[in-house]
Amino acid sequence: MTDPLPDPALGEPFLLTPGPLTTSAEVKRAMLRDWGSWDGDFRAMTADLRRRLLEIAGDRGDCECVPMQGSGSYCVEAMLGSFVPRDGKVLVLANGAYGLRAAKTMGYLGRAFTLIDKGDYLPPRGAEVAAALAQDPAITHVLAIHCETSSGILNPLEEIAEATARAGRKLLVDSMSAFGALPLDMSGMPVEAFVSSANKCIEGVPGFGFVICRRDALIAAKGNSHSLSLDVHAQWETMEATGQWRFTPPTHAVAAFVEALKAHAAEGGAPARLARYTRNRDVMVAGMRALGFETLLDDAWLSPIIVTFFCPADPAFDFNRFYEAMKGRGFIIYPGKLTVADSFRIGCIGQMDAAVMRRVVDAAAAALSEMGVTSATPPAAALATRATLAA
């Protein structure tokens, strides 16, 4: 933590979400200057962020980093449309909203795909991937979600990558909310390409994401894209030739991101960030459980990015009132995305530490008391569903 934390008294609450998230004062200050998108200083910034991201990804000289304008979903679509040939087929691994969104994207792209949907409680496993690939030789690529933030589940990327490589197929990864904290080493893991976003574990602001990929795969992607603006190869080709983005870049977000990358390195890189986020999670989960809340997931699958909790069964509990009570105490939480039970989510990433997470628990206790909730225990039906679906 490099600077004073947000002060709710000044109207700036902590964002307990998987991004956008709470940023540092230095990151905010970096956006106070205007930049010319063609100017040499801005082109140098773009080159610097590409270099720094490749270092975090463990590049050994055979990878490229291609920033892309837009939100994370833009980057996922860009990756799928650029790296999957028009006659390719993707095995989409889903266990939440973002895997299902990727499958929907494949439909929009007109690319063939098949889906393994594990629901909200369990991850796709390597053995399942191996079996699906053995049964369908037409599959050329596998798409995995590194951390599925609709439930907070951390998927076993290493075993998925091993099964994919063993079958001679190519792995694409949505590491949107994980890269920069959770391990994803291109030098040691057989991944063809992955995407992430500026406003996640690097702790920048929204505006762009990036694709990190094998150079040979990027060269082979020429002509695949369905889209002018989402063509990763064309963006890379222009950046290599001119140092510029093809279309107007989010200059202020880029400047903020370079500052965030410097802070990421100063903190100790991805291992240090993962350690801080893990402490955040452990302190918060222990405190919420002490209040009677139950997590959606077993401990084995809890990510250090965001955690889903069941809403209490107590009839005095109302999520909208709980949300406003938390916000009034300086914390913005996230509604749930489950179809099987009412829930809410609390993020662990951003400019926060364990002391802040203790304040989160205190705020939750005060909110329950204010609402007249005497027990945070979830409905028995929700626990029964969890036990059944997780079995």
Protein backbone atom coordinates (compact mmCIF):
# COMPACT_ATOMS: atom_id res chain seq x y z
CA MET A 1 0.00 0.00 0.00
CA THR A 2 1.73 3.12 -1.23
CA ASP A 3 -0.56 5.98 -0.26
CA PRO A 4 -3.52 6.92 1.95
CA LEU A 5 -6.57 4.74 1.49
CA PRO A 6 -9.90 6.18 0.27
CA ASP A 7 -11.75 8.25 2.84
CA PRO A 8 -15.51 7.49 2.92
CA ALA A 9 -16.00 10.80 4.71
CA LEU A 10 -14.86 12.51 1.53
CA GLY A 11 -17.37 10.57 -0.55
CA GLU A 12 -15.06 7.90 -1.91
CA PRO A 13 -16.09 4.42 -0.78
CA PHE A 14 -14.08 1.25 -1.20
CA LEU A 15 -15.15 -0.74 -4.26
CA LEU A 16 -15.48 -4.36 -3.13
CA THR A 17 -15.95 -5.58 -6.69
CA PRO A 18 -13.89 -7.52 -9.25
CA GLY A 19 -13.24 -4.30 -11.17
CA PRO A 20 -13.54 -1.39 -11.49
CA LEU A 21 -11.84 -1.31 -8.14
CA THR A 22 -10.29 1.06 -5.63
CA THR A 23 -7.17 2.68 -7.08
CA SER A 24 -4.26 4.53 -5.54
CA ALA A 25 -3.80 8.28 -5.42
CA GLU A 26 -0.86 7.96 -7.83
CA VAL A 27 -3.02 6.17 -10.38
CA LYS A 28 -5.69 8.86 -10.10
CA ARG A 29 -3.13 11.67 -10.42
CA ALA A 30 -1.74 10.13 -13.61
CA MET A 31 -5.05 10.94 -15.32
CA LEU A 32 -4.79 14.70 -14.70
CA ARG A 33 -2.69 15.27 -17.84
CA ASP A 34 -3.88 15.15 -21.44
CA TRP A 35 -1.87 13.14 -23.97
CA GLY A 36 -1.67 13.23 -27.75
CA SER A 37 -2.32 9.77 -29.13
CA TRP A 38 0.29 10.19 -31.89
CA ASP A 39 2.86 11.90 -29.69
CA GLY A 40 6.20 10.21 -29.06
CA ASP A 41 5.79 10.36 -25.29
CA PHE A 42 2.49 8.48 -25.48
CA ARG A 43 3.91 5.92 -27.90
CA ALA A 44 6.75 5.37 -25.40
CA MET A 45 4.13 4.77 -22.70
CA THR A 46 2.42 2.16 -24.85
CA ALA A 47 5.74 0.41 -25.48
CA ASP A 48 6.54 0.48 -21.76
CA LEU A 49 3.25 -1.11 -20.71
CA ARG A 50 3.62 -3.83 -23.37
CA ARG A 51 7.12 -4.62 -22.11
CA ARG A 52 6.10 -4.66 -18.45
CA LEU A 53 3.13 -6.94 -19.08
CA LEU A 54 5.27 -9.44 -20.96
CA GLU A 55 7.66 -9.52 -18.00
CA ILE A 56 4.79 -10.32 -15.63
CA ALA A 57 3.65 -13.07 -18.03
CA GLY A 58 7.06 -14.75 -17.99
CA ASP A 59 7.83 -14.12 -21.66
CA ARG A 60 11.08 -15.65 -22.90
CA GLY A 61 11.09 -13.81 -26.20
CA ASP A 62 8.40 -15.73 -28.07
CA CYS A 63 5.32 -13.79 -26.96
CA GLU A 64 3.61 -10.52 -27.82
CA CYS A 65 1.37 -8.13 -25.89
CA VAL A 66 -1.39 -6.36 -27.81
CA PRO A 67 -3.47 -3.75 -25.95
CA MET A 68 -7.06 -3.47 -27.18
CA GLN A 69 -9.57 -0.68 -26.52
CA GLY A 70 -12.76 -1.57 -24.68
CA SER A 71 -13.94 -3.64 -21.75
CA GLY A 72 -12.89 -7.17 -20.92
CA SER A 73 -15.68 -8.68 -23.00
CA TYR A 74 -14.37 -6.79 -26.04
CA CYS A 75 -10.99 -8.42 -25.51
CA VAL A 76 -12.46 -11.90 -25.10
CA GLU A 77 -14.33 -11.47 -28.36
CA ALA A 78 -11.19 -10.13 -30.03
CA MET A 79 -9.19 -13.16 -28.88
CA LEU A 80 -11.82 -15.67 -29.99
CA GLY A 81 -12.38 -13.98 -33.32
CA SER A 82 -8.68 -13.63 -34.06
CA PHE A 83 -7.16 -16.90 -32.85
CA VAL A 84 -9.91 -19.33 -33.78
CA PRO A 85 -9.97 -19.93 -37.56
CA ARG A 86 -13.36 -19.67 -39.21
CA ASP A 87 -13.39 -23.44 -39.64
CA GLY A 88 -12.18 -24.04 -36.07
CA LYS A 89 -14.19 -25.33 -33.13
CA VAL A 90 -13.94 -24.33 -29.49
CA LEU A 91 -14.62 -26.35 -26.35
CA VAL A 92 -15.95 -23.70 -23.94
CA LEU A 93 -15.55 -24.53 -20.25
CA ALA A 94 -18.21 -22.76 -18.21
CA ASN A 95 -19.08 -22.64 -14.54
CA GLY A 96 -20.71 -19.25 -14.37
CA ALA A 97 -21.80 -16.21 -16.33
CA TYR A 98 -18.51 -15.48 -18.06
CA GLY A 99 -18.03 -18.93 -19.55
CA LEU A 100 -21.63 -18.80 -20.76
CA ARG A 101 -20.99 -15.34 -22.22
CA ALA A 102 -18.02 -16.73 -24.13
CA ALA A 103 -20.25 -19.45 -25.56
CA LYS A 104 -22.76 -16.79 -26.58
CA THR A 105 -19.93 -14.87 -28.22
CA MET A 106 -19.02 -17.92 -30.27
CA GLY A 107 -22.58 -17.97 -31.55
CA TYR A 108 -22.33 -14.33 -32.62
CA LEU A 109 -19.02 -15.08 -34.34
CA GLY A 110 -20.52 -17.95 -36.27
CA ARG A 111 -17.74 -20.25 -35.06
CA ALA A 112 -18.47 -23.83 -34.07
CA PHE A 113 -18.32 -24.64 -30.37
CA THR A 114 -19.34 -27.16 -27.76
CA LEU A 115 -19.95 -26.47 -24.11
CA ILE A 116 -19.17 -28.10 -20.78
CA ASP A 117 -21.33 -26.30 -18.21
CA LYS A 118 -20.53 -27.22 -14.59
CA GLY A 119 -23.03 -24.82 -12.99
CA ASP A 120 -22.06 -22.46 -10.17
CA TYR A 121 -20.43 -24.77 -7.63
CA LEU A 122 -17.72 -26.82 -9.33
CA PRO A 123 -14.81 -26.29 -11.72
CA PRO A 124 -14.23 -28.08 -15.01
CA ARG A 125 -11.52 -30.71 -14.47
CA GLY A 126 -8.68 -31.90 -16.65
CA ALA A 127 -10.14 -35.38 -17.02
CA GLU A 128 -13.39 -33.94 -18.37
CA VAL A 129 -11.48 -31.86 -20.89
CA ALA A 130 -9.44 -34.86 -21.99
CA ALA A 131 -12.58 -36.94 -22.47
CA ALA A 132 -14.32 -34.22 -24.50
CA LEU A 133 -11.30 -33.75 -26.74
CA ALA A 134 -10.96 -37.50 -27.30
CA GLN A 135 -14.61 -37.73 -28.33
CA ASP A 136 -14.52 -34.80 -30.79
CA PRO A 137 -11.47 -34.51 -33.05
CA ALA A 138 -12.99 -31.41 -34.70
CA ILE A 139 -12.23 -29.33 -31.58
CA THR A 140 -9.23 -27.11 -32.26
CA HIS A 141 -9.24 -24.86 -29.18
CA VAL A 142 -10.28 -24.92 -25.52
CA LEU A 143 -11.44 -21.77 -23.75
CA ALA A 144 -11.03 -21.64 -19.96
CA ILE A 145 -12.02 -18.98 -17.44
CA HIS A 146 -9.16 -18.52 -14.98
CA CYS A 147 -11.30 -17.08 -12.18
CA GLU A 148 -15.07 -17.17 -12.63
CA THR A 149 -16.14 -14.05 -10.75
CA SER A 150 -19.88 -14.69 -10.95
CA SER A 151 -19.32 -17.27 -8.19
CA GLY A 152 -15.75 -16.47 -7.12
CA ILE A 153 -14.48 -19.90 -8.13
CA LEU A 154 -10.82 -20.41 -9.00
CA ASN A 155 -10.54 -22.90 -11.83
CA PRO A 156 -7.67 -25.45 -12.05
CA LEU A 157 -5.93 -23.90 -15.04
CA GLU A 158 -2.81 -26.05 -14.83
CA GLU A 159 -4.62 -29.38 -15.22
CA ILE A 160 -6.83 -27.94 -17.98
CA ALA A 161 -3.73 -26.72 -19.83
CA GLU A 162 -2.03 -30.10 -19.44
CA ALA A 163 -5.05 -32.01 -20.78
CA THR A 164 -5.38 -29.62 -23.72
CA ALA A 165 -1.71 -29.85 -24.66
CA ARG A 166 -1.66 -33.63 -24.30
CA ALA A 167 -4.48 -33.82 -26.85
CA GLY A 168 -2.62 -31.55 -29.25
CA ARG A 169 -5.16 -28.71 -29.02
CA LYS A 170 -4.68 -25.03 -28.21
CA LEU A 171 -5.70 -23.27 -25.01
CA LEU A 172 -7.20 -19.78 -24.82
CA VAL A 173 -7.71 -18.25 -21.38
CA ASP A 174 -9.93 -15.51 -20.02
CA SER A 175 -7.70 -14.35 -17.16
CA MET A 176 -9.57 -11.10 -16.85
CA SER A 177 -9.76 -10.92 -13.06
CA ALA A 178 -6.76 -13.11 -12.27
CA PHE A 179 -3.65 -12.03 -14.22
CA GLY A 180 -1.28 -9.92 -12.17
CA ALA A 181 -1.95 -11.89 -8.99
CA LEU A 182 -2.66 -15.53 -9.77
CA PRO A 183 0.11 -17.43 -11.59
CA LEU A 184 -0.05 -17.50 -15.37
CA ASP A 185 3.44 -18.10 -16.75
CA MET A 186 3.74 -18.30 -20.52
CA SER A 187 7.21 -19.83 -20.17
CA GLY A 188 5.90 -22.83 -18.27
CA MET A 189 2.26 -23.27 -19.26
CA PRO A 190 1.04 -24.32 -22.74
CA VAL A 191 -1.28 -21.38 -23.38
CA GLU A 192 -1.76 -20.00 -26.89
CA ALA A 193 -3.23 -16.67 -25.79
CA PHE A 194 -4.91 -15.06 -22.81
CA VAL A 195 -6.69 -11.79 -22.11
CA SER A 196 -6.92 -9.54 -19.10
CA SER A 197 -8.00 -5.99 -18.32
CA ALA A 198 -6.49 -2.78 -17.00
CA ASN A 199 -8.92 -2.46 -14.11
CA LYS A 200 -8.34 -5.76 -12.33
CA CYS A 201 -5.30 -7.11 -10.44
CA ILE A 202 -2.89 -4.53 -11.86
CA GLU A 203 -5.18 -1.95 -10.22
CA GLY A 204 -5.60 0.48 -13.10
CA VAL A 205 -8.82 2.03 -14.40
CA PRO A 206 -11.27 0.85 -17.09
CA GLY A 207 -10.72 1.64 -20.75
CA PHE A 208 -8.74 -1.17 -22.30
CA GLY A 209 -7.57 -4.73 -21.98
CA PHE A 210 -4.76 -6.69 -23.55
CA VAL A 211 -4.00 -9.95 -25.29
CA ILE A 212 -0.78 -11.82 -24.46
CA CYS A 213 -0.04 -14.58 -26.93
CA ARG A 214 2.52 -16.69 -28.76
CA ARG A 215 4.05 -14.75 -31.62
CA ASP A 216 3.69 -17.63 -34.09
CA ALA A 217 0.00 -17.94 -33.22
CA LEU A 218 -0.48 -14.21 -33.72
CA ILE A 219 1.18 -14.32 -37.13
CA ALA A 220 -1.05 -17.26 -38.08
CA ALA A 221 -4.14 -15.28 -36.96
CA LYS A 222 -3.91 -12.85 -39.88
CA GLY A 223 -7.20 -12.76 -41.75
CA ASN A 224 -9.19 -14.70 -39.14
CA SER A 225 -11.01 -11.80 -37.53
CA HIS A 226 -14.67 -11.09 -38.12
CA SER A 227 -14.19 -7.46 -37.08
CA LEU A 228 -12.19 -4.45 -38.18
CA SER A 229 -11.80 -2.97 -34.71
CA LEU A 230 -11.35 -6.28 -32.83
CA ASP A 231 -8.63 -7.68 -35.09
CA VAL A 232 -5.73 -8.50 -32.75
CA HIS A 233 -3.30 -9.18 -35.59
CA ALA A 234 -4.05 -5.86 -37.29
CA GLN A 235 -3.63 -3.98 -33.99
CA TRP A 236 -0.28 -5.69 -33.39
CA GLU A 237 0.92 -5.06 -36.93
CA THR A 238 0.20 -1.34 -36.60
CA MET A 239 1.83 -1.09 -33.17
CA GLU A 240 4.92 -2.88 -34.43
CA ALA A 241 5.18 -0.59 -37.46
CA THR A 242 4.32 2.77 -35.88
CA GLY A 243 4.10 2.39 -32.08
CA GLN A 244 0.55 3.69 -32.33
CA TRP A 245 -2.89 2.27 -31.65
CA ARG A 246 -4.97 1.92 -34.83
CA PHE A 247 -7.89 3.91 -33.43
CA THR A 248 -8.17 6.53 -30.68
CA PRO A 249 -6.63 5.04 -27.53
CA PRO A 250 -7.88 5.63 -23.98
CA THR A 251 -4.94 7.90 -23.23
CA HIS A 252 -5.77 8.70 -19.62
CA ALA A 253 -6.40 5.03 -18.80
CA VAL A 254 -3.06 4.10 -20.37
CA ALA A 255 -1.23 6.72 -18.31
CA ALA A 256 -2.93 5.45 -15.15
CA PHE A 257 -2.06 1.86 -16.04
CA VAL A 258 1.64 2.60 -16.44
CA GLU A 259 1.59 4.10 -12.95
CA ALA A 260 -0.25 1.01 -11.68
CA LEU A 261 2.36 -1.25 -13.28
CA LYS A 262 5.13 0.62 -11.47
CA ALA A 263 3.31 0.14 -8.16
CA HIS A 264 2.75 -3.55 -8.97
CA ALA A 265 6.51 -4.02 -9.41
CA ALA A 266 7.33 -2.00 -6.29
CA GLU A 267 4.98 -4.16 -4.19
CA GLY A 268 6.84 -7.29 -5.26
CA GLY A 269 4.99 -8.30 -8.42
CA ALA A 270 2.30 -10.93 -8.74
CA PRO A 271 3.43 -13.07 -5.74
CA ALA A 272 3.18 -10.13 -3.34
CA ARG A 273 -0.14 -9.04 -4.76
CA LEU A 274 -1.52 -12.56 -4.47
CA ALA A 275 -0.36 -12.70 -0.85
CA ARG A 276 -2.15 -9.44 -0.02
CA TYR A 277 -5.35 -10.47 -1.78
CA THR A 278 -5.25 -13.87 -0.07
CA ARG A 279 -4.92 -12.21 3.35
CA ASN A 280 -7.81 -9.93 2.43
CA ARG A 281 -9.97 -12.94 1.59
CA ASP A 282 -9.03 -14.97 4.64
CA VAL A 283 -9.68 -12.13 7.08
CA MET A 284 -12.97 -11.20 5.45
CA VAL A 285 -14.29 -14.76 5.08
CA ALA A 286 -13.43 -15.66 8.68
CA GLY A 287 -15.18 -12.55 9.92
CA MET A 288 -18.30 -13.05 7.79
CA ARG A 289 -18.55 -16.69 8.83
CA ALA A 290 -18.31 -15.60 12.46
CA LEU A 291 -21.39 -13.45 11.80
CA GLY A 292 -23.20 -16.55 10.48
CA PHE A 293 -22.82 -16.01 6.73
CA GLU A 294 -22.08 -19.02 4.52
CA THR A 295 -19.91 -18.99 1.41
CA LEU A 296 -21.24 -20.49 -1.80
CA LEU A 297 -18.06 -22.48 -2.33
CA ASP A 298 -15.96 -24.88 -0.33
CA ASP A 299 -12.60 -23.51 0.76
CA ALA A 300 -10.75 -25.49 -1.93
CA TRP A 301 -12.33 -23.39 -4.69
CA LEU A 302 -12.47 -19.97 -3.04
CA SER A 303 -10.52 -17.47 -5.12
CA PRO A 304 -8.64 -14.53 -3.59
CA ILE A 305 -10.44 -12.27 -6.07
CA ILE A 306 -14.09 -12.24 -4.97
CA VAL A 307 -16.24 -14.35 -2.65
CA THR A 308 -19.95 -15.18 -2.97
CA PHE A 309 -22.11 -15.39 0.16
CA PHE A 310 -25.68 -16.67 0.48
CA CYS A 311 -28.20 -14.10 1.61
CA PRO A 312 -29.57 -14.79 5.11
CA ALA A 313 -32.90 -16.55 5.52
CA ASP A 314 -33.98 -14.06 8.22
CA PRO A 315 -37.09 -12.27 6.85
CA ALA A 316 -35.66 -8.96 8.08
CA PHE A 317 -32.82 -9.24 5.57
CA ASP A 318 -33.24 -7.31 2.35
CA PHE A 319 -30.29 -7.09 -0.01
CA ASN A 320 -31.05 -3.58 -1.22
CA ARG A 321 -31.17 -2.29 2.36
CA PHE A 322 -28.00 -4.22 3.18
CA TYR A 323 -26.29 -2.74 0.13
CA GLU A 324 -27.24 0.82 1.11
CA ALA A 325 -26.21 0.23 4.72
CA MET A 326 -22.80 -1.02 3.57
CA LYS A 327 -22.44 1.89 1.15
CA GLY A 328 -23.30 4.33 3.92
CA ARG A 329 -20.41 2.87 5.88
CA GLY A 330 -18.00 3.30 2.98
CA PHE A 331 -18.18 -0.05 1.16
CA ILE A 332 -19.78 -0.83 -2.21
CA ILE A 333 -20.44 -4.55 -2.55
CA TYR A 334 -21.63 -6.54 -5.56
CA PRO A 335 -25.00 -8.26 -6.12
CA GLY A 336 -25.04 -11.97 -6.80
CA LYS A 337 -25.20 -13.61 -10.21
CA LEU A 338 -26.55 -17.01 -9.24
CA THR A 339 -29.73 -18.55 -10.57
CA VAL A 340 -30.05 -21.15 -7.79
CA ALA A 341 -30.02 -18.94 -4.68
CA ASP A 342 -30.05 -15.32 -3.54
CA SER A 343 -26.51 -14.15 -2.94
CA PHE A 344 -24.10 -11.24 -2.89
CA ARG A 345 -20.37 -10.89 -3.50
CA ILE A 346 -17.49 -9.14 -1.77
CA GLY A 347 -14.30 -8.44 -3.69
CA CYS A 348 -10.82 -8.79 -2.22
CA ILE A 349 -8.79 -6.90 -4.83
CA GLY A 350 -7.78 -3.26 -5.26
CA GLN A 351 -6.04 -0.84 -2.93
CA MET A 352 -7.14 -2.60 0.24
CA ASP A 353 -5.46 -4.56 2.99
CA ALA A 354 -6.47 -6.83 5.86
CA ALA A 355 -7.24 -3.86 8.13
CA VAL A 356 -9.80 -2.65 5.59
CA MET A 357 -11.37 -6.10 5.41
CA ARG A 358 -11.84 -6.11 9.18
CA ARG A 359 -13.74 -2.85 8.76
CA VAL A 360 -15.86 -4.55 6.08
CA VAL A 361 -16.88 -7.23 8.57
CA ASP A 362 -17.64 -4.60 11.22
CA ALA A 363 -19.79 -2.74 8.67
CA ALA A 364 -21.67 -5.94 7.82
CA ALA A 365 -22.35 -6.60 11.50
CA ALA A 366 -23.62 -3.05 11.97
CA ALA A 367 -25.80 -3.32 8.86
CA LEU A 368 -27.40 -6.53 10.12
CA SER A 369 -28.09 -4.94 13.48
CA GLU A 370 -29.58 -1.86 11.83
CA MET A 371 -31.92 -4.08 9.78
CA GLY A 372 -32.93 -6.16 12.78
CA VAL A 373 -31.43 -9.35 11.35
CA THR A 374 -30.74 -11.77 14.20
CA SER A 375 -29.17 -14.55 12.12
CA ALA A 376 -27.14 -14.50 8.90
CA THR A 377 -27.69 -18.22 8.33
CA PRO A 378 -28.85 -18.91 4.75
CA PRO A 379 -32.05 -20.76 3.86
CA ALA A 380 -31.87 -24.51 4.38
CA ALA A 381 -32.88 -24.99 0.75
CA ALA A 382 -29.81 -23.05 -0.43
CA LEU A 383 -27.50 -25.23 1.65
CA ALA A 384 -29.25 -28.37 0.43
CA THR A 385 -28.85 -27.23 -3.18
CA ARG A 386 -25.17 -26.54 -2.58
CA ALA A 387 -24.67 -30.00 -1.11
CA THR A 388 -26.49 -31.66 -3.99
CA LEU A 389 -24.86 -29.75 -6.83
CA ALA A 390 -21.38 -29.88 -5.32
CA ALA A 391 -21.53 -33.62 -4.74
